[in-house]
Amino acid sequence: MDYRPGMLVRSKAGHDKGCIYAVISVKNEYVYLADGGLRPLSRMKKKNVRHLQPILKMRAEDISSDIEIRKVIREYEED
């Protein structure tokens, strides 16, 4: 799977299993994630792509602020 910034993903493994994040950047087999709450842009989570499930239904257009990231994740969870 080709991960791109702005894409929403769900964690499949680790203590954060089931959490939804927005992809901020991609470097080799690792992806940097933020959710705008516990994981803001200032403390992004580094996760292996094997431990992620892509969410193709929605995409975050603006990933430059925590507020926008939280808004997109909240909209997805309400659907």
PDB file of N, CA and C in Angstrom:
ATOM      1  N   MET A   1       0.843  -1.188   0.000  1.00  0.00           N
ATOM      2  CA  MET A   1       0.000   0.000   0.000  1.00  0.00           C
ATOM      3  C   MET A   1       0.877   1.237   0.000  1.00  0.00           C
ATOM      4  N   ASP A   2       0.487   2.211  -0.759  1.00  0.00           N
ATOM      5  CA  ASP A   2       1.220   3.466  -0.864  1.00  0.00           C
ATOM      6  C   ASP A   2       0.595   4.488   0.082  1.00  0.00           C
ATOM      7  N   TYR A   3       1.273   4.794   1.180  1.00  0.00           N
ATOM      8  CA  TYR A   3       0.765   5.756   2.162  1.00  0.00           C
ATOM      9  C   TYR A   3       1.189   7.159   1.750  1.00  0.00           C
ATOM     10  N   ARG A   4       0.265   8.099   1.890  1.00  0.00           N
ATOM     11  CA  ARG A   4       0.527   9.493   1.518  1.00  0.00           C
ATOM     12  C   ARG A   4       0.073  10.418   2.632  1.00  0.00           C
ATOM     13  N   PRO A   5       0.705  11.579   2.781  1.00  0.00           N
ATOM     14  CA  PRO A   5       0.280  12.529   3.815  1.00  0.00           C
ATOM     15  C   PRO A   5      -1.197  12.913   3.642  1.00  0.00           C
ATOM     16  N   GLY A   6      -1.893  12.962   4.766  1.00  0.00           N
ATOM     17  CA  GLY A   6      -3.312  13.295   4.767  1.00  0.00           C
ATOM     18  C   GLY A   6      -4.214  12.080   4.833  1.00  0.00           C
ATOM     19  N   MET A   7      -3.670  10.913   4.550  1.00  0.00           N
ATOM     20  CA  MET A   7      -4.445   9.677   4.569  1.00  0.00           C
ATOM     21  C   MET A   7      -4.774   9.287   6.016  1.00  0.00           C
ATOM     22  N   LEU A   8      -5.961   8.751   6.243  1.00  0.00           N
ATOM     23  CA  LEU A   8      -6.322   8.251   7.564  1.00  0.00           C
ATOM     24  C   LEU A   8      -5.975   6.776   7.656  1.00  0.00           C
ATOM     25  N   VAL A   9      -5.478   6.352   8.827  1.00  0.00           N
ATOM     26  CA  VAL A   9      -5.107   4.962   9.054  1.00  0.00           C
ATOM     27  C   VAL A   9      -5.576   4.528  10.438  1.00  0.00           C
ATOM     28  N   ARG A  10      -5.738   3.222  10.604  1.00  0.00           N
ATOM     29  CA  ARG A  10      -6.082   2.633  11.900  1.00  0.00           C
ATOM     30  C   ARG A  10      -4.920   1.742  12.321  1.00  0.00           C
ATOM     31  N   SER A  11      -4.544   1.851  13.593  1.00  0.00           N
ATOM     32  CA  SER A  11      -3.459   1.036  14.128  1.00  0.00           C
ATOM     33  C   SER A  11      -3.945  -0.390  14.339  1.00  0.00           C
ATOM     34  N   LYS A  12      -3.166  -1.363  13.857  1.00  0.00           N
ATOM     35  CA  LYS A  12      -3.516  -2.777  13.998  1.00  0.00           C
ATOM     36  C   LYS A  12      -2.749  -3.458  15.118  1.00  0.00           C
ATOM     37  N   ALA A  13      -1.684  -2.848  15.618  1.00  0.00           N
ATOM     38  CA  ALA A  13      -0.849  -3.488  16.633  1.00  0.00           C
ATOM     39  C   ALA A  13      -0.277  -2.444  17.581  1.00  0.00           C
ATOM     40  N   GLY A  14       0.065  -2.899  18.771  1.00  0.00           N
ATOM     41  CA  GLY A  14       0.661  -2.021  19.767  1.00  0.00           C
ATOM     42  C   GLY A  14      -0.356  -1.596  20.809  1.00  0.00           C
ATOM     43  N   HIS A  15       0.090  -0.787  21.773  1.00  0.00           N
ATOM     44  CA  HIS A  15      -0.817  -0.351  22.831  1.00  0.00           C
ATOM     45  C   HIS A  15      -1.890   0.598  22.329  1.00  0.00           C
ATOM     46  N   ASP A  16      -1.714   1.134  21.136  1.00  0.00           N
ATOM     47  CA  ASP A  16      -2.696   2.047  20.547  1.00  0.00           C
ATOM     48  C   ASP A  16      -3.582   1.358  19.508  1.00  0.00           C
ATOM     49  N   LYS A  17      -3.696   0.038  19.598  1.00  0.00           N
ATOM     50  CA  LYS A  17      -4.484  -0.742  18.637  1.00  0.00           C
ATOM     51  C   LYS A  17      -5.911  -0.192  18.536  1.00  0.00           C
ATOM     52  N   GLY A  18      -6.345   0.041  17.294  1.00  0.00           N
ATOM     53  CA  GLY A  18      -7.688   0.545  17.043  1.00  0.00           C
ATOM     54  C   GLY A  18      -7.782   2.060  16.942  1.00  0.00           C
ATOM     55  N   CYS A  19      -6.732   2.779  17.284  1.00  0.00           N
ATOM     56  CA  CYS A  19      -6.742   4.240  17.216  1.00  0.00           C
ATOM     57  C   CYS A  19      -6.635   4.702  15.766  1.00  0.00           C
ATOM     58  N   ILE A  20      -7.247   5.840  15.483  1.00  0.00           N
ATOM     59  CA  ILE A  20      -7.223   6.411  14.135  1.00  0.00           C
ATOM     60  C   ILE A  20      -6.275   7.601  14.124  1.00  0.00           C
ATOM     61  N   TYR A  21      -5.427   7.644  13.108  1.00  0.00           N
ATOM     62  CA  TYR A  21      -4.442   8.701  12.952  1.00  0.00           C
ATOM     63  C   TYR A  21      -4.470   9.245  11.530  1.00  0.00           C
ATOM     64  N   ALA A  22      -3.879  10.413  11.354  1.00  0.00           N
ATOM     65  CA  ALA A  22      -3.643  10.984  10.028  1.00  0.00           C
ATOM     66  C   ALA A  22      -2.150  10.845   9.733  1.00  0.00           C
ATOM     67  N   VAL A  23      -1.820  10.443   8.524  1.00  0.00           N
ATOM     68  CA  VAL A  23      -0.420  10.318   8.108  1.00  0.00           C
ATOM     69  C   VAL A  23       0.132  11.720   7.872  1.00  0.00           C
ATOM     70  N   ILE A  24       1.255  12.005   8.507  1.00  0.00           N
ATOM     71  CA  ILE A  24       1.897  13.310   8.361  1.00  0.00           C
ATOM     72  C   ILE A  24       3.051  13.225   7.359  1.00  0.00           C
ATOM     73  N   SER A  25       3.880  12.201   7.501  1.00  0.00           N
ATOM     74  CA  SER A  25       4.969  12.006   6.547  1.00  0.00           C
ATOM     75  C   SER A  25       5.331  10.528   6.475  1.00  0.00           C
ATOM     76  N   VAL A  26       6.002  10.160   5.369  1.00  0.00           N
ATOM     77  CA  VAL A  26       6.388   8.774   5.120  1.00  0.00           C
ATOM     78  C   VAL A  26       7.884   8.733   4.851  1.00  0.00           C
ATOM     79  N   LYS A  27       8.588   7.854   5.570  1.00  0.00           N
ATOM     80  CA  LYS A  27      10.028   7.677   5.365  1.00  0.00           C
ATOM     81  C   LYS A  27      10.336   6.196   5.377  1.00  0.00           C
ATOM     82  N   ASN A  28      10.655   5.650   4.203  1.00  0.00           N
ATOM     83  CA  ASN A  28      10.953   4.228   4.020  1.00  0.00           C
ATOM     84  C   ASN A  28       9.778   3.384   4.500  1.00  0.00           C
ATOM     85  N   GLU A  29      10.003   2.471   5.464  1.00  0.00           N
ATOM     86  CA  GLU A  29       8.906   1.619   5.918  1.00  0.00           C
ATOM     87  C   GLU A  29       8.214   2.190   7.155  1.00  0.00           C
ATOM     88  N   TYR A  30       8.564   3.411   7.539  1.00  0.00           N
ATOM     89  CA  TYR A  30       7.944   4.043   8.699  1.00  0.00           C
ATOM     90  C   TYR A  30       7.066   5.214   8.290  1.00  0.00           C
ATOM     91  N   VAL A  31       6.032   5.429   9.080  1.00  0.00           N
ATOM     92  CA  VAL A  31       5.090   6.512   8.840  1.00  0.00           C
ATOM     93  C   VAL A  31       4.985   7.324  10.128  1.00  0.00           C
ATOM     94  N   TYR A  32       4.934   8.632  10.000  1.00  0.00           N
ATOM     95  CA  TYR A  32       4.759   9.503  11.161  1.00  0.00           C
ATOM     96  C   TYR A  32       3.298   9.918  11.213  1.00  0.00           C
ATOM     97  N   LEU A  33       2.672   9.709  12.385  1.00  0.00           N
ATOM     98  CA  LEU A  33       1.238   9.877  12.553  1.00  0.00           C
ATOM     99  C   LEU A  33       0.913  10.891  13.636  1.00  0.00           C
ATOM    100  N   ALA A  34      -0.256  11.518  13.502  1.00  0.00           N
ATOM    101  CA  ALA A  34      -0.767  12.423  14.534  1.00  0.00           C
ATOM    102  C   ALA A  34      -2.278  12.300  14.566  1.00  0.00           C
ATOM    103  N   ASP A  35      -2.854  12.517  15.762  1.00  0.00           N
ATOM    104  CA  ASP A  35      -4.308  12.508  15.877  1.00  0.00           C
ATOM    105  C   ASP A  35      -4.845  13.841  16.372  1.00  0.00           C
ATOM    106  N   GLY A  36      -3.967  14.789  16.646  1.00  0.00           N
ATOM    107  CA  GLY A  36      -4.392  16.111  17.076  1.00  0.00           C
ATOM    108  C   GLY A  36      -4.754  16.189  18.547  1.00  0.00           C
ATOM    109  N   GLY A  37      -4.810  15.061  19.236  1.00  0.00           N
ATOM    110  CA  GLY A  37      -5.158  15.035  20.657  1.00  0.00           C
ATOM    111  C   GLY A  37      -3.985  14.545  21.479  1.00  0.00           C
ATOM    112  N   LEU A  38      -3.969  13.243  21.764  1.00  0.00           N
ATOM    113  CA  LEU A  38      -2.861  12.656  22.515  1.00  0.00           C
ATOM    114  C   LEU A  38      -1.565  12.683  21.721  1.00  0.00           C
ATOM    115  N   ARG A  39      -1.675  12.642  20.412  1.00  0.00           N
ATOM    116  CA  ARG A  39      -0.513  12.696  19.522  1.00  0.00           C
ATOM    117  C   ARG A  39      -0.619  13.917  18.615  1.00  0.00           C
ATOM    118  N   PRO A  40      -0.271  15.107  19.137  1.00  0.00           N
ATOM    119  CA  PRO A  40      -0.309  16.306  18.295  1.00  0.00           C
ATOM    120  C   PRO A  40       0.866  16.327  17.313  1.00  0.00           C
ATOM    121  N   LEU A  41       0.882  17.301  16.458  1.00  0.00           N
ATOM    122  CA  LEU A  41       1.950  17.425  15.464  1.00  0.00           C
ATOM    123  C   LEU A  41       3.324  17.590  16.111  1.00  0.00           C
ATOM    124  N   SER A  42       3.364  18.138  17.314  1.00  0.00           N
ATOM    125  CA  SER A  42       4.641  18.331  17.997  1.00  0.00           C
ATOM    126  C   SER A  42       5.192  17.029  18.587  1.00  0.00           C
ATOM    127  N   ARG A  43       4.355  15.980  18.707  1.00  0.00           N
ATOM    128  CA  ARG A  43       4.773  14.681  19.240  1.00  0.00           C
ATOM    129  C   ARG A  43       4.251  13.558  18.355  1.00  0.00           C
ATOM    130  N   MET A  44       4.620  13.560  17.102  1.00  0.00           N
ATOM    131  CA  MET A  44       4.123  12.556  16.163  1.00  0.00           C
ATOM    132  C   MET A  44       4.591  11.161  16.558  1.00  0.00           C
ATOM    133  N   LYS A  45       3.788  10.174  16.200  1.00  0.00           N
ATOM    134  CA  LYS A  45       4.094   8.777  16.482  1.00  0.00           C
ATOM    135  C   LYS A  45       4.745   8.152  15.261  1.00  0.00           C
ATOM    136  N   LYS A  46       5.857   7.455  15.462  1.00  0.00           N
ATOM    137  CA  LYS A  46       6.537   6.735  14.391  1.00  0.00           C
ATOM    138  C   LYS A  46       6.048   5.293  14.431  1.00  0.00           C
ATOM    139  N   LYS A  47       5.518   4.800  13.314  1.00  0.00           N
ATOM    140  CA  LYS A  47       4.943   3.455  13.292  1.00  0.00           C
ATOM    141  C   LYS A  47       5.316   2.751  11.995  1.00  0.00           C
ATOM    142  N   ASN A  48       5.551   1.456  12.081  1.00  0.00           N
ATOM    143  CA  ASN A  48       5.857   0.642  10.920  1.00  0.00           C
ATOM    144  C   ASN A  48       4.590   0.470  10.076  1.00  0.00           C
ATOM    145  N   VAL A  49       4.719   0.531   8.761  1.00  0.00           N
ATOM    146  CA  VAL A  49       3.545   0.431   7.880  1.00  0.00           C
ATOM    147  C   VAL A  49       2.861  -0.924   7.983  1.00  0.00           C
ATOM    148  N   ARG A  50       3.576  -1.964   8.420  1.00  0.00           N
ATOM    149  CA  ARG A  50       2.956  -3.285   8.575  1.00  0.00           C
ATOM    150  C   ARG A  50       1.907  -3.297   9.680  1.00  0.00           C
ATOM    151  N   HIS A  51       1.959  -2.322  10.581  1.00  0.00           N
ATOM    152  CA  HIS A  51       1.037  -2.269  11.708  1.00  0.00           C
ATOM    153  C   HIS A  51      -0.116  -1.296  11.475  1.00  0.00           C
ATOM    154  N   LEU A  52      -0.354  -0.924  10.219  1.00  0.00           N
ATOM    155  CA  LEU A  52      -1.402   0.047   9.895  1.00  0.00           C
ATOM    156  C   LEU A  52      -2.389  -0.517   8.883  1.00  0.00           C
ATOM    157  N   GLN A  53      -3.633  -0.087   9.021  1.00  0.00           N
ATOM    158  CA  GLN A  53      -4.684  -0.422   8.064  1.00  0.00           C
ATOM    159  C   GLN A  53      -5.175   0.898   7.463  1.00  0.00           C
ATOM    160  N   PRO A  54      -5.080   1.073   6.151  1.00  0.00           N
ATOM    161  CA  PRO A  54      -5.519   2.331   5.544  1.00  0.00           C
ATOM    162  C   PRO A  54      -7.034   2.477   5.565  1.00  0.00           C
ATOM    163  N   ILE A  55      -7.478   3.717   5.703  1.00  0.00           N
ATOM    164  CA  ILE A  55      -8.899   4.055   5.628  1.00  0.00           C
ATOM    165  C   ILE A  55      -9.065   4.851   4.341  1.00  0.00           C
ATOM    166  N   LEU A  56      -9.667   4.237   3.360  1.00  0.00           N
ATOM    167  CA  LEU A  56      -9.766   4.867   2.044  1.00  0.00           C
ATOM    168  C   LEU A  56     -11.000   5.747   1.910  1.00  0.00           C
ATOM    169  N   LYS A  57     -11.911   5.674   2.883  1.00  0.00           N
ATOM    170  CA  LYS A  57     -13.175   6.394   2.809  1.00  0.00           C
ATOM    171  C   LYS A  57     -12.990   7.912   2.919  1.00  0.00           C
ATOM    172  N   MET A  58     -12.023   8.359   3.750  1.00  0.00           N
ATOM    173  CA  MET A  58     -11.820   9.796   3.982  1.00  0.00           C
ATOM    174  C   MET A  58     -10.343  10.138   3.884  1.00  0.00           C
ATOM    175  N   ARG A  59     -10.094  11.434   3.686  1.00  0.00           N
ATOM    176  CA  ARG A  59      -8.728  11.939   3.606  1.00  0.00           C
ATOM    177  C   ARG A  59      -8.702  13.333   4.220  1.00  0.00           C
ATOM    178  N   ALA A  60      -7.649  13.648   4.962  1.00  0.00           N
ATOM    179  CA  ALA A  60      -7.475  14.976   5.551  1.00  0.00           C
ATOM    180  C   ALA A  60      -6.806  15.881   4.514  1.00  0.00           C
ATOM    181  N   GLU A  61      -7.494  16.930   4.135  1.00  0.00           N
ATOM    182  CA  GLU A  61      -6.930  17.858   3.146  1.00  0.00           C
ATOM    183  C   GLU A  61      -5.864  18.758   3.767  1.00  0.00           C
ATOM    184  N   ASP A  62      -6.119  19.219   5.000  1.00  0.00           N
ATOM    185  CA  ASP A  62      -5.193  20.135   5.667  1.00  0.00           C
ATOM    186  C   ASP A  62      -4.619  19.434   6.901  1.00  0.00           C
ATOM    187  N   ILE A  63      -3.327  19.092   6.858  1.00  0.00           N
ATOM    188  CA  ILE A  63      -2.697  18.419   7.991  1.00  0.00           C
ATOM    189  C   ILE A  63      -1.707  19.345   8.697  1.00  0.00           C
ATOM    190  N   SER A  64      -1.908  20.658   8.571  1.00  0.00           N
ATOM    191  CA  SER A  64      -0.973  21.603   9.163  1.00  0.00           C
ATOM    192  C   SER A  64      -1.354  22.023  10.575  1.00  0.00           C
ATOM    193  N   SER A  65      -2.545  21.637  11.042  1.00  0.00           N
ATOM    194  CA  SER A  65      -2.939  22.006  12.403  1.00  0.00           C
ATOM    195  C   SER A  65      -3.645  20.841  13.088  1.00  0.00           C
ATOM    196  N   ASP A  66      -3.472  20.780  14.397  1.00  0.00           N
ATOM    197  CA  ASP A  66      -4.097  19.723  15.190  1.00  0.00           C
ATOM    198  C   ASP A  66      -5.622  19.816  15.141  1.00  0.00           C
ATOM    199  N   ILE A  67      -6.140  21.013  15.081  1.00  0.00           N
ATOM    200  CA  ILE A  67      -7.599  21.209  15.048  1.00  0.00           C
ATOM    201  C   ILE A  67      -8.205  20.576  13.801  1.00  0.00           C
ATOM    202  N   GLU A  68      -7.580  20.782  12.651  1.00  0.00           N
ATOM    203  CA  GLU A  68      -8.084  20.201  11.406  1.00  0.00           C
ATOM    204  C   GLU A  68      -8.000  18.681  11.417  1.00  0.00           C
ATOM    205  N   ILE A  69      -6.925  18.143  11.973  1.00  0.00           N
ATOM    206  CA  ILE A  69      -6.771  16.687  12.052  1.00  0.00           C
ATOM    207  C   ILE A  69      -7.856  16.091  12.939  1.00  0.00           C
ATOM    208  N   ARG A  70      -8.090  16.697  14.117  1.00  0.00           N
ATOM    209  CA  ARG A  70      -9.148  16.215  15.013  1.00  0.00           C
ATOM    210  C   ARG A  70     -10.512  16.270  14.350  1.00  0.00           C
ATOM    211  N   LYS A  71     -10.746  17.330  13.588  1.00  0.00           N
ATOM    212  CA  LYS A  71     -12.032  17.507  12.910  1.00  0.00           C
ATOM    213  C   LYS A  71     -12.286  16.372  11.910  1.00  0.00           C
ATOM    214  N   VAL A  72     -11.305  16.034  11.103  1.00  0.00           N
ATOM    215  CA  VAL A  72     -11.460  14.978  10.100  1.00  0.00           C
ATOM    216  C   VAL A  72     -11.651  13.620  10.769  1.00  0.00           C
ATOM    217  N   ILE A  73     -10.885  13.339  11.820  1.00  0.00           N
ATOM    218  CA  ILE A  73     -11.027  12.059  12.527  1.00  0.00           C
ATOM    219  C   ILE A  73     -12.408  11.966  13.179  1.00  0.00           C
ATOM    220  N   ARG A  74     -12.871  13.045  13.765  1.00  0.00           N
ATOM    221  CA  ARG A  74     -14.194  13.064  14.388  1.00  0.00           C
ATOM    222  C   ARG A  74     -15.286  12.831  13.355  1.00  0.00           C
ATOM    223  N   GLU A  75     -15.174  13.440  12.178  1.00  0.00           N
ATOM    224  CA  GLU A  75     -16.159  13.237  11.103  1.00  0.00           C
ATOM    225  C   GLU A  75     -16.181  11.777  10.661  1.00  0.00           C
ATOM    226  N   TYR A  76     -15.023  11.150  10.575  1.00  0.00           N
ATOM    227  CA  TYR A  76     -14.959   9.748  10.179  1.00  0.00           C
ATOM    228  C   TYR A  76     -15.628   8.855  11.235  1.00  0.00           C
ATOM    229  N   GLU A  77     -15.344   9.112  12.500  1.00  0.00           N
ATOM    230  CA  GLU A  77     -15.899   8.292  13.576  1.00  0.00           C
ATOM    231  C   GLU A  77     -17.420   8.422  13.695  1.00  0.00           C
ATOM    232  N   GLU A  78     -17.965   9.569  13.287  1.00  0.00           N
ATOM    233  CA  GLU A  78     -19.407   9.780  13.363  1.00  0.00           C
ATOM    234  C   GLU A  78     -20.155   9.054  12.250  1.00  0.00           C
ATOM    235  N   ASP A  79     -19.478   8.744  11.144  1.00  0.00           N
ATOM    236  CA  ASP A  79     -20.131   8.054  10.023  1.00  0.00           C
ATOM    237  C   ASP A  79     -20.439   6.624  10.323  1.00  0.00           C
TER     238      ASP A  79
END
